[in-house]
N, C-alpha and C. Protein backbone atom coordinates (compact mmCIF):
# COMPACT_ATOMS: atom_id res chain seq x y z
N MET A 1 31.30 11.75 -5.21
CA MET A 1 30.05 11.61 -5.94
C MET A 1 29.33 10.34 -5.47
N ALA A 2 28.06 10.46 -5.16
CA ALA A 2 27.27 9.33 -4.67
C ALA A 2 26.99 8.35 -5.80
N GLU A 3 26.95 7.07 -5.45
CA GLU A 3 26.63 6.04 -6.43
C GLU A 3 25.18 6.15 -6.85
N SER A 4 24.91 5.81 -8.11
CA SER A 4 23.54 5.77 -8.59
C SER A 4 22.84 4.57 -7.99
N PRO A 5 21.54 4.70 -7.68
CA PRO A 5 20.82 3.55 -7.13
C PRO A 5 20.68 2.45 -8.17
N VAL A 6 20.60 1.22 -7.69
CA VAL A 6 20.35 0.07 -8.55
C VAL A 6 18.86 0.04 -8.85
N GLU A 7 18.52 -0.18 -10.12
CA GLU A 7 17.12 -0.26 -10.52
C GLU A 7 16.65 -1.71 -10.46
N VAL A 8 15.60 -1.95 -9.69
CA VAL A 8 14.99 -3.28 -9.57
C VAL A 8 13.70 -3.26 -10.37
N ASN A 9 13.62 -4.13 -11.37
CA ASN A 9 12.42 -4.20 -12.21
C ASN A 9 11.46 -5.24 -11.65
N LEU A 10 10.24 -4.80 -11.42
CA LEU A 10 9.20 -5.67 -10.88
C LEU A 10 8.20 -6.02 -11.98
N ILE A 11 7.60 -7.19 -11.86
CA ILE A 11 6.55 -7.61 -12.79
C ILE A 11 5.22 -7.51 -12.05
N PRO A 12 4.30 -6.68 -12.55
CA PRO A 12 3.01 -6.53 -11.86
C PRO A 12 2.23 -7.85 -11.78
N ILE A 13 1.61 -8.03 -10.63
CA ILE A 13 0.76 -9.19 -10.35
C ILE A 13 -0.68 -8.69 -10.33
N GLU A 14 -1.58 -9.38 -11.04
CA GLU A 14 -2.99 -8.98 -11.02
C GLU A 14 -3.53 -9.15 -9.60
N ALA A 15 -4.14 -8.10 -9.07
CA ALA A 15 -4.67 -8.13 -7.71
C ALA A 15 -5.98 -8.91 -7.68
N THR A 16 -5.97 -10.00 -6.94
CA THR A 16 -7.17 -10.80 -6.70
C THR A 16 -7.26 -11.02 -5.19
N PRO A 17 -8.41 -11.45 -4.69
CA PRO A 17 -8.48 -11.73 -3.25
C PRO A 17 -7.41 -12.73 -2.80
N GLU A 18 -7.08 -13.69 -3.64
CA GLU A 18 -6.08 -14.69 -3.28
C GLU A 18 -4.64 -14.15 -3.37
N SER A 19 -4.32 -13.45 -4.46
CA SER A 19 -2.95 -12.99 -4.66
C SER A 19 -2.56 -11.87 -3.69
N PHE A 20 -3.54 -11.14 -3.18
CA PHE A 20 -3.25 -9.98 -2.32
C PHE A 20 -3.45 -10.28 -0.83
N ALA A 21 -3.78 -11.51 -0.48
CA ALA A 21 -4.18 -11.85 0.89
C ALA A 21 -3.14 -11.52 1.96
N ASP A 22 -1.85 -11.56 1.64
CA ASP A 22 -0.82 -11.25 2.64
C ASP A 22 -0.75 -9.76 2.99
N TYR A 23 -1.40 -8.92 2.19
CA TYR A 23 -1.30 -7.47 2.35
C TYR A 23 -2.61 -6.82 2.76
N GLY A 24 -3.71 -7.50 2.49
CA GLY A 24 -5.03 -6.94 2.77
C GLY A 24 -6.08 -7.68 1.97
N GLN A 25 -7.07 -6.95 1.53
CA GLN A 25 -8.18 -7.54 0.79
C GLN A 25 -8.43 -6.80 -0.51
N VAL A 26 -8.81 -7.54 -1.54
CA VAL A 26 -9.33 -6.97 -2.77
C VAL A 26 -10.84 -7.17 -2.70
N ILE A 27 -11.56 -6.07 -2.77
CA ILE A 27 -13.02 -6.11 -2.63
C ILE A 27 -13.64 -5.88 -4.01
N GLU A 28 -14.48 -6.84 -4.41
CA GLU A 28 -15.15 -6.75 -5.70
C GLU A 28 -16.65 -6.60 -5.47
N ALA A 29 -17.38 -6.34 -6.53
CA ALA A 29 -18.83 -6.10 -6.43
C ALA A 29 -19.54 -7.31 -5.84
N SER A 30 -20.55 -7.01 -5.02
CA SER A 30 -21.43 -8.05 -4.48
C SER A 30 -22.87 -7.59 -4.71
N SER A 31 -23.77 -8.52 -4.59
CA SER A 31 -25.18 -8.21 -4.82
C SER A 31 -25.73 -7.32 -3.71
N ASP A 32 -26.60 -6.40 -4.08
CA ASP A 32 -27.29 -5.59 -3.09
C ASP A 32 -28.09 -6.50 -2.17
N GLY A 33 -28.02 -6.27 -0.89
CA GLY A 33 -28.74 -7.08 0.06
C GLY A 33 -27.94 -8.23 0.65
N ASP A 34 -26.73 -8.49 0.10
CA ASP A 34 -25.88 -9.53 0.70
C ASP A 34 -25.55 -9.14 2.13
N ARG A 35 -25.48 -10.12 2.99
CA ARG A 35 -25.11 -9.87 4.39
C ARG A 35 -23.60 -9.69 4.50
N PHE A 36 -23.21 -8.98 5.57
CA PHE A 36 -21.79 -8.76 5.84
C PHE A 36 -21.10 -10.10 6.01
N GLY A 37 -19.92 -10.22 5.41
CA GLY A 37 -19.18 -11.48 5.51
C GLY A 37 -17.71 -11.29 5.19
N PRO A 38 -16.99 -12.38 5.02
CA PRO A 38 -15.53 -12.33 4.84
C PRO A 38 -15.10 -11.68 3.52
N ASN A 39 -16.00 -11.54 2.55
CA ASN A 39 -15.64 -10.88 1.30
C ASN A 39 -15.81 -9.37 1.36
N ASP A 40 -16.32 -8.87 2.49
CA ASP A 40 -16.44 -7.43 2.72
C ASP A 40 -15.17 -6.94 3.40
N ALA A 41 -14.86 -5.66 3.24
CA ALA A 41 -13.66 -5.08 3.86
C ALA A 41 -13.76 -5.22 5.38
N GLN A 42 -12.76 -5.83 5.96
CA GLN A 42 -12.66 -6.01 7.41
C GLN A 42 -11.87 -4.81 7.94
N LEU A 43 -12.57 -3.77 8.33
CA LEU A 43 -11.97 -2.48 8.65
C LEU A 43 -11.59 -2.35 10.12
N ASP A 44 -10.56 -1.56 10.38
CA ASP A 44 -10.22 -1.13 11.73
C ASP A 44 -10.06 0.38 11.68
N LEU A 45 -11.11 1.08 12.05
CA LEU A 45 -11.12 2.55 12.10
C LEU A 45 -11.32 3.01 13.53
N SER A 46 -10.99 2.14 14.50
CA SER A 46 -11.31 2.37 15.91
C SER A 46 -10.39 3.35 16.62
N ARG A 47 -9.32 3.77 15.98
CA ARG A 47 -8.33 4.61 16.68
C ARG A 47 -8.40 6.07 16.29
N GLY A 48 -9.56 6.49 15.78
CA GLY A 48 -9.70 7.89 15.40
C GLY A 48 -10.98 8.13 14.64
N ILE A 49 -11.06 9.29 14.03
CA ILE A 49 -12.24 9.69 13.26
C ILE A 49 -12.02 9.28 11.81
N PRO A 50 -12.90 8.45 11.23
CA PRO A 50 -12.73 8.05 9.83
C PRO A 50 -12.83 9.25 8.88
N ARG A 51 -12.06 9.19 7.82
CA ARG A 51 -12.11 10.20 6.76
C ARG A 51 -12.26 9.47 5.44
N PHE A 52 -13.35 9.77 4.72
CA PHE A 52 -13.61 9.19 3.40
C PHE A 52 -13.65 10.35 2.42
N TYR A 53 -12.75 10.33 1.45
CA TYR A 53 -12.66 11.47 0.53
C TYR A 53 -12.17 11.05 -0.84
N ILE A 54 -12.32 11.95 -1.80
CA ILE A 54 -11.81 11.74 -3.15
C ILE A 54 -10.45 12.43 -3.23
N MET A 55 -9.47 11.67 -3.64
CA MET A 55 -8.08 12.13 -3.70
C MET A 55 -7.68 12.23 -5.18
N ARG A 56 -7.31 13.40 -5.63
CA ARG A 56 -6.82 13.59 -7.00
C ARG A 56 -5.31 13.52 -7.00
N LEU A 57 -4.77 12.61 -7.80
CA LEU A 57 -3.32 12.46 -7.93
C LEU A 57 -2.90 12.80 -9.35
N GLU A 58 -1.78 13.49 -9.46
CA GLU A 58 -1.27 13.90 -10.77
C GLU A 58 0.21 13.54 -10.89
N GLY A 59 0.62 13.26 -12.12
CA GLY A 59 2.03 13.11 -12.42
C GLY A 59 2.72 11.94 -11.73
N ARG A 60 2.02 10.85 -11.52
CA ARG A 60 2.65 9.66 -10.92
C ARG A 60 3.42 8.90 -11.99
N THR A 61 4.41 8.15 -11.56
CA THR A 61 5.20 7.37 -12.50
C THR A 61 5.09 5.89 -12.15
N LEU A 62 5.61 5.05 -13.01
CA LEU A 62 5.58 3.62 -12.78
C LEU A 62 6.88 3.19 -12.11
N GLY A 63 7.11 3.79 -10.97
CA GLY A 63 8.29 3.47 -10.17
C GLY A 63 8.20 4.16 -8.83
N PHE A 64 9.05 3.70 -7.89
CA PHE A 64 9.06 4.30 -6.56
C PHE A 64 10.36 3.97 -5.85
N SER A 65 10.71 4.80 -4.89
CA SER A 65 11.91 4.55 -4.07
C SER A 65 11.59 4.62 -2.58
N THR A 66 10.38 5.04 -2.24
CA THR A 66 9.95 5.07 -0.84
C THR A 66 8.67 4.25 -0.70
N ILE A 67 8.44 3.80 0.53
CA ILE A 67 7.27 2.99 0.83
C ILE A 67 6.81 3.39 2.23
N THR A 68 5.50 3.39 2.46
CA THR A 68 4.92 3.93 3.68
C THR A 68 4.01 2.90 4.35
N HIS A 69 3.89 2.99 5.67
CA HIS A 69 2.84 2.21 6.33
C HIS A 69 2.13 3.06 7.37
N HIS A 70 0.92 2.61 7.72
CA HIS A 70 0.11 3.24 8.76
C HIS A 70 -0.14 2.17 9.83
N ALA A 71 0.28 2.45 11.05
CA ALA A 71 0.20 1.48 12.14
C ALA A 71 -1.16 1.46 12.83
N ASN A 72 -1.96 2.51 12.64
CA ASN A 72 -3.20 2.65 13.41
C ASN A 72 -4.49 2.45 12.65
N VAL A 73 -4.42 2.11 11.37
CA VAL A 73 -5.65 2.07 10.58
C VAL A 73 -5.51 1.13 9.39
N THR A 74 -6.63 0.53 9.01
CA THR A 74 -6.72 -0.12 7.71
C THR A 74 -7.08 1.00 6.73
N GLN A 75 -6.52 0.97 5.54
CA GLN A 75 -6.78 2.01 4.55
C GLN A 75 -7.42 1.37 3.33
N CYS A 76 -8.40 2.05 2.74
CA CYS A 76 -9.05 1.58 1.52
C CYS A 76 -8.78 2.58 0.39
N LEU A 77 -8.45 2.04 -0.79
CA LEU A 77 -8.19 2.85 -1.97
C LEU A 77 -8.86 2.21 -3.17
N GLY A 78 -9.36 3.03 -4.08
CA GLY A 78 -9.91 2.52 -5.33
C GLY A 78 -10.02 3.64 -6.34
N SER A 79 -9.82 3.32 -7.61
CA SER A 79 -9.90 4.36 -8.63
C SER A 79 -11.37 4.62 -8.97
N ILE A 80 -11.70 5.87 -9.13
CA ILE A 80 -13.04 6.24 -9.55
C ILE A 80 -13.12 5.95 -11.05
N GLY A 81 -14.05 5.12 -11.44
CA GLY A 81 -14.19 4.73 -12.84
C GLY A 81 -13.56 3.39 -13.15
N GLY A 82 -12.92 2.76 -12.18
CA GLY A 82 -12.35 1.43 -12.41
C GLY A 82 -11.15 1.40 -13.33
N HIS A 83 -10.43 2.51 -13.44
CA HIS A 83 -9.24 2.57 -14.29
C HIS A 83 -8.11 1.73 -13.72
N VAL A 84 -7.17 1.36 -14.57
CA VAL A 84 -6.02 0.56 -14.16
C VAL A 84 -5.05 1.40 -13.35
N TRP A 85 -4.61 0.84 -12.22
CA TRP A 85 -3.60 1.49 -11.39
C TRP A 85 -2.79 0.41 -10.70
N TYR A 86 -1.70 0.83 -10.07
CA TYR A 86 -0.75 -0.11 -9.46
C TYR A 86 -0.43 0.32 -8.03
N LEU A 87 0.00 -0.64 -7.24
CA LEU A 87 0.39 -0.37 -5.87
C LEU A 87 1.59 -1.26 -5.52
N GLY A 88 2.69 -0.62 -5.12
CA GLY A 88 3.83 -1.36 -4.60
C GLY A 88 3.55 -1.70 -3.15
N VAL A 89 3.89 -2.91 -2.72
CA VAL A 89 3.60 -3.32 -1.34
C VAL A 89 4.71 -4.21 -0.77
N ALA A 90 4.74 -4.26 0.55
CA ALA A 90 5.51 -5.25 1.31
C ALA A 90 4.66 -5.61 2.52
N LYS A 91 4.86 -6.81 3.05
CA LYS A 91 4.05 -7.30 4.17
C LYS A 91 4.21 -6.41 5.39
N PRO A 92 3.16 -6.34 6.21
CA PRO A 92 3.27 -5.59 7.47
C PRO A 92 4.42 -6.13 8.31
N SER A 93 5.10 -5.22 9.01
CA SER A 93 6.24 -5.63 9.86
C SER A 93 6.19 -4.93 11.21
N LEU A 94 4.97 -4.66 11.68
CA LEU A 94 4.79 -4.04 12.99
C LEU A 94 5.24 -5.02 14.06
N ILE A 95 5.85 -4.50 15.11
CA ILE A 95 6.30 -5.33 16.22
C ILE A 95 5.48 -4.95 17.44
N ALA A 96 4.76 -5.93 17.96
CA ALA A 96 3.94 -5.70 19.15
C ALA A 96 4.83 -5.67 20.38
N ASP A 97 4.35 -5.05 21.45
CA ASP A 97 5.10 -5.02 22.70
C ASP A 97 5.50 -6.42 23.10
N GLY A 98 6.77 -6.58 23.48
CA GLY A 98 7.26 -7.86 23.95
C GLY A 98 7.73 -8.80 22.86
N GLU A 99 7.59 -8.43 21.58
CA GLU A 99 8.00 -9.29 20.47
C GLU A 99 9.40 -8.97 19.96
N ARG A 100 10.13 -8.12 20.60
CA ARG A 100 11.41 -7.65 20.11
C ARG A 100 12.54 -8.66 20.20
N ALA A 101 12.41 -9.65 21.00
CA ALA A 101 13.52 -10.57 21.28
C ALA A 101 14.14 -11.11 20.00
N GLY A 102 15.46 -10.98 19.90
CA GLY A 102 16.20 -11.54 18.79
C GLY A 102 16.21 -10.73 17.51
N ASP A 103 15.48 -9.64 17.44
CA ASP A 103 15.45 -8.83 16.22
C ASP A 103 16.31 -7.60 16.40
N ASN A 104 17.44 -7.56 15.71
CA ASN A 104 18.36 -6.42 15.82
C ASN A 104 17.99 -5.28 14.89
N ASN A 105 17.11 -5.52 13.93
CA ASN A 105 16.76 -4.52 12.94
C ASN A 105 15.39 -3.92 13.26
N VAL A 106 15.30 -3.22 14.38
CA VAL A 106 14.05 -2.63 14.84
C VAL A 106 14.16 -1.12 14.80
N GLU A 107 13.14 -0.47 14.25
CA GLU A 107 13.10 0.98 14.21
C GLU A 107 11.80 1.46 14.84
N SER A 108 11.78 2.75 15.18
CA SER A 108 10.60 3.36 15.77
C SER A 108 9.94 4.26 14.74
N GLY A 109 8.63 4.08 14.56
CA GLY A 109 7.91 4.86 13.55
C GLY A 109 7.21 6.06 14.14
N SER A 110 6.52 6.80 13.28
CA SER A 110 5.75 7.95 13.74
C SER A 110 4.75 7.47 14.77
N GLY A 111 4.64 8.15 15.87
CA GLY A 111 3.74 7.73 16.93
C GLY A 111 4.39 6.76 17.91
N GLY A 112 5.65 6.38 17.66
CA GLY A 112 6.39 5.56 18.60
C GLY A 112 6.25 4.06 18.45
N HIS A 113 5.50 3.56 17.49
CA HIS A 113 5.39 2.11 17.31
C HIS A 113 6.70 1.54 16.79
N LEU A 114 6.91 0.25 16.99
CA LEU A 114 8.12 -0.43 16.53
C LEU A 114 7.83 -1.24 15.28
N TYR A 115 8.84 -1.34 14.40
CA TYR A 115 8.69 -2.12 13.17
C TYR A 115 10.07 -2.56 12.68
N SER A 116 10.05 -3.57 11.83
CA SER A 116 11.25 -3.96 11.09
C SER A 116 11.11 -3.38 9.69
N PRO A 117 12.15 -2.73 9.18
CA PRO A 117 12.05 -2.18 7.82
C PRO A 117 11.82 -3.29 6.79
N PRO A 118 11.10 -2.97 5.72
CA PRO A 118 10.89 -3.97 4.67
C PRO A 118 12.20 -4.24 3.93
N THR A 119 12.33 -5.43 3.38
CA THR A 119 13.51 -5.75 2.58
C THR A 119 13.20 -5.60 1.10
N VAL A 120 14.23 -5.40 0.32
CA VAL A 120 14.08 -5.26 -1.13
C VAL A 120 13.40 -6.49 -1.72
N GLU A 121 13.77 -7.67 -1.22
CA GLU A 121 13.25 -8.92 -1.75
C GLU A 121 11.75 -9.11 -1.49
N GLU A 122 11.21 -8.45 -0.49
CA GLU A 122 9.79 -8.58 -0.14
C GLU A 122 8.85 -7.76 -1.01
N VAL A 123 9.37 -6.78 -1.72
CA VAL A 123 8.53 -5.82 -2.44
C VAL A 123 7.89 -6.44 -3.68
N ARG A 124 6.61 -6.20 -3.83
CA ARG A 124 5.83 -6.64 -4.99
C ARG A 124 5.07 -5.43 -5.52
N VAL A 125 4.61 -5.54 -6.77
CA VAL A 125 3.71 -4.52 -7.31
C VAL A 125 2.47 -5.24 -7.84
N PHE A 126 1.30 -4.69 -7.50
CA PHE A 126 0.04 -5.27 -7.91
C PHE A 126 -0.68 -4.32 -8.86
N LYS A 127 -1.40 -4.93 -9.80
CA LYS A 127 -2.20 -4.20 -10.78
C LYS A 127 -3.67 -4.33 -10.37
N PHE A 128 -4.36 -3.20 -10.31
CA PHE A 128 -5.79 -3.16 -9.99
C PHE A 128 -6.52 -2.67 -11.23
N SER A 129 -7.49 -3.45 -11.68
CA SER A 129 -8.26 -3.03 -12.86
C SER A 129 -9.73 -3.36 -12.64
N GLY A 130 -10.57 -2.52 -13.17
CA GLY A 130 -12.00 -2.75 -13.06
C GLY A 130 -12.58 -2.25 -11.75
N PRO A 131 -13.86 -2.57 -11.52
CA PRO A 131 -14.57 -2.05 -10.35
C PRO A 131 -14.23 -2.82 -9.07
N LYS A 132 -13.10 -2.51 -8.48
CA LYS A 132 -12.69 -3.12 -7.22
C LYS A 132 -11.87 -2.11 -6.44
N PHE A 133 -11.77 -2.36 -5.14
CA PHE A 133 -10.89 -1.53 -4.34
C PHE A 133 -10.07 -2.41 -3.43
N VAL A 134 -9.08 -1.81 -2.80
CA VAL A 134 -8.18 -2.55 -1.93
C VAL A 134 -8.33 -2.04 -0.50
N LYS A 135 -8.31 -2.99 0.44
CA LYS A 135 -8.22 -2.66 1.86
C LYS A 135 -6.86 -3.13 2.31
N LEU A 136 -6.02 -2.20 2.76
CA LEU A 136 -4.69 -2.53 3.25
C LEU A 136 -4.78 -2.88 4.73
N ASN A 137 -4.16 -3.98 5.13
CA ASN A 137 -4.09 -4.32 6.55
C ASN A 137 -3.28 -3.26 7.29
N ARG A 138 -3.53 -3.13 8.59
CA ARG A 138 -2.72 -2.22 9.39
C ARG A 138 -1.26 -2.60 9.22
N GLY A 139 -0.41 -1.61 8.93
CA GLY A 139 1.02 -1.84 8.82
C GLY A 139 1.51 -2.30 7.46
N THR A 140 0.62 -2.56 6.50
CA THR A 140 1.07 -2.95 5.17
C THR A 140 1.84 -1.79 4.54
N TRP A 141 3.04 -2.08 4.10
CA TRP A 141 3.86 -1.07 3.40
C TRP A 141 3.26 -0.87 2.02
N HIS A 142 3.16 0.38 1.57
CA HIS A 142 2.59 0.64 0.25
C HIS A 142 3.20 1.88 -0.39
N ALA A 143 3.30 1.81 -1.72
CA ALA A 143 3.78 2.93 -2.55
C ALA A 143 2.76 3.10 -3.66
N GLY A 144 2.16 4.27 -3.71
CA GLY A 144 1.15 4.50 -4.72
C GLY A 144 -0.11 5.04 -4.09
N PRO A 145 -1.14 5.12 -4.90
CA PRO A 145 -1.39 4.56 -6.22
C PRO A 145 -0.46 5.15 -7.30
N LEU A 146 -0.11 4.28 -8.25
CA LEU A 146 0.75 4.63 -9.38
C LEU A 146 -0.02 4.30 -10.66
N PHE A 147 0.21 5.11 -11.71
CA PHE A 147 -0.55 4.92 -12.95
C PHE A 147 0.16 5.65 -14.07
N SER A 148 -0.25 5.35 -15.32
CA SER A 148 0.39 6.00 -16.47
C SER A 148 -0.40 7.17 -17.03
N GLU A 149 -1.63 7.37 -16.59
CA GLU A 149 -2.42 8.53 -17.01
C GLU A 149 -1.80 9.80 -16.42
N SER A 150 -2.17 10.96 -16.93
CA SER A 150 -1.63 12.21 -16.37
C SER A 150 -2.20 12.51 -14.99
N SER A 151 -3.46 12.10 -14.74
CA SER A 151 -4.05 12.26 -13.42
C SER A 151 -5.16 11.23 -13.25
N MET A 152 -5.45 10.92 -11.99
CA MET A 152 -6.55 10.01 -11.68
C MET A 152 -7.14 10.41 -10.33
N ASP A 153 -8.43 10.10 -10.16
CA ASP A 153 -9.12 10.32 -8.90
C ASP A 153 -9.33 8.98 -8.20
N PHE A 154 -9.11 8.99 -6.89
CA PHE A 154 -9.26 7.79 -6.07
C PHE A 154 -10.12 8.11 -4.87
N TYR A 155 -10.91 7.13 -4.43
CA TYR A 155 -11.53 7.31 -3.13
C TYR A 155 -10.58 6.71 -2.11
N ASN A 156 -10.55 7.31 -0.94
CA ASN A 156 -9.60 6.95 0.10
C ASN A 156 -10.33 6.96 1.44
N LEU A 157 -10.23 5.86 2.18
CA LEU A 157 -10.79 5.77 3.52
C LEU A 157 -9.64 5.49 4.48
N GLU A 158 -9.43 6.40 5.39
CA GLU A 158 -8.39 6.29 6.41
C GLU A 158 -8.89 7.08 7.62
N LEU A 159 -8.01 7.44 8.52
CA LEU A 159 -8.41 8.30 9.64
C LEU A 159 -8.15 9.76 9.29
N SER A 160 -8.85 10.65 9.97
CA SER A 160 -8.75 12.08 9.66
C SER A 160 -7.34 12.62 9.82
N ASN A 161 -6.53 12.01 10.69
CA ASN A 161 -5.18 12.52 10.92
C ASN A 161 -4.08 11.54 10.50
N THR A 162 -4.41 10.57 9.66
CA THR A 162 -3.43 9.55 9.25
C THR A 162 -2.16 10.18 8.70
N ASN A 163 -2.29 11.13 7.80
CA ASN A 163 -1.10 11.70 7.15
C ASN A 163 -0.28 12.60 8.07
N GLU A 164 -0.85 13.02 9.19
CA GLU A 164 -0.10 13.85 10.14
C GLU A 164 0.58 13.04 11.23
N VAL A 165 -0.08 11.98 11.74
CA VAL A 165 0.46 11.30 12.93
C VAL A 165 0.73 9.81 12.73
N ASP A 166 0.39 9.24 11.59
CA ASP A 166 0.56 7.80 11.39
C ASP A 166 1.09 7.51 9.99
N HIS A 167 2.23 8.08 9.69
CA HIS A 167 2.78 8.02 8.34
C HIS A 167 4.28 7.74 8.43
N THR A 168 4.65 6.46 8.46
CA THR A 168 6.05 6.05 8.57
C THR A 168 6.55 5.66 7.19
N THR A 169 7.67 6.24 6.76
CA THR A 169 8.20 6.01 5.42
C THR A 169 9.60 5.42 5.49
N HIS A 170 9.84 4.45 4.61
CA HIS A 170 11.17 3.83 4.44
C HIS A 170 11.68 4.22 3.06
N SER A 171 12.89 4.74 2.98
CA SER A 171 13.50 5.10 1.70
C SER A 171 14.45 3.99 1.26
N PHE A 172 14.04 3.25 0.24
CA PHE A 172 14.91 2.22 -0.32
C PHE A 172 16.13 2.84 -1.01
N LYS A 173 15.96 4.03 -1.57
CA LYS A 173 17.07 4.69 -2.24
C LYS A 173 18.16 5.06 -1.24
N LYS A 174 17.77 5.64 -0.10
CA LYS A 174 18.75 6.06 0.91
C LYS A 174 19.32 4.89 1.70
N LYS A 175 18.45 3.96 2.11
CA LYS A 175 18.89 2.90 3.03
C LYS A 175 19.34 1.62 2.34
N ASN A 176 18.89 1.38 1.11
CA ASN A 176 19.22 0.15 0.41
C ASN A 176 19.90 0.37 -0.93
N GLY A 177 19.92 1.62 -1.40
CA GLY A 177 20.56 1.94 -2.68
C GLY A 177 19.81 1.41 -3.89
N VAL A 178 18.48 1.28 -3.78
CA VAL A 178 17.69 0.78 -4.91
C VAL A 178 16.46 1.63 -5.15
N ILE A 179 15.99 1.58 -6.39
CA ILE A 179 14.70 2.13 -6.78
C ILE A 179 13.95 1.03 -7.54
N PHE A 180 12.64 1.08 -7.52
CA PHE A 180 11.82 0.07 -8.19
C PHE A 180 11.14 0.67 -9.41
N ARG A 181 11.09 -0.12 -10.48
CA ARG A 181 10.41 0.27 -11.72
C ARG A 181 9.58 -0.92 -12.19
N PHE A 182 8.58 -0.61 -13.01
CA PHE A 182 7.79 -1.65 -13.65
C PHE A 182 7.14 -1.05 -14.88
N GLU A 183 6.64 -1.91 -15.76
CA GLU A 183 5.98 -1.45 -16.98
C GLU A 183 4.47 -1.59 -16.84
N ASP A 184 3.75 -0.71 -17.52
CA ASP A 184 2.29 -0.76 -17.55
C ASP A 184 1.90 -2.02 -18.35
N SER A 185 1.21 -2.91 -17.68
CA SER A 185 0.88 -4.19 -18.32
C SER A 185 -0.54 -4.21 -18.90
N THR A 186 -1.15 -3.06 -19.12
CA THR A 186 -2.53 -3.04 -19.61
C THR A 186 -2.61 -3.61 -21.02
N SER A 187 -1.57 -3.49 -21.81
CA SER A 187 -1.62 -4.00 -23.18
C SER A 187 -1.53 -5.52 -23.23
N SER A 188 -1.05 -6.15 -22.13
CA SER A 188 -0.90 -7.60 -22.15
C SER A 188 -2.05 -8.32 -21.47
N SER A 189 -3.09 -7.58 -21.04
CA SER A 189 -4.20 -8.28 -20.38
C SER A 189 -5.36 -8.49 -21.30
């Protein structure tokens, strides 16, 4: 009989431009007519055809055991209506050509890119509330969107074939024997 996974409880961190900087950008409202600058999403959609669509998600829970990254694109996500949602993340761990020296824990992802798997200790969960969206850096590990409602709609900007050719997943349950859980912190804000 297989051992049950260890449950790791995470405390959600409010997503702000400062708190989320290691993973991407949190984009908040700006005045109409503002010029492009560092507070705007710094996108990389150069490796394919952009796809912007509304994604309906149902039956999500406040926990996860797998985490995914996309090596070829920055991805943007935001809830329609500014509802509260969560995203589990770990820092990008893509390995560029020639950077392999000394790293014994290297794997090959979808499309043949190299990466180091995320560690349990690196995983965080962020809370997104109000009219903002997130831009994930290329290679940022992410689980979600996660929420406590029965369903939510999100806008999603990625490449047209991201889910077919650029979708590398790490299973913490299989490879590390852990699952992550957290509580909805909307009542404490």
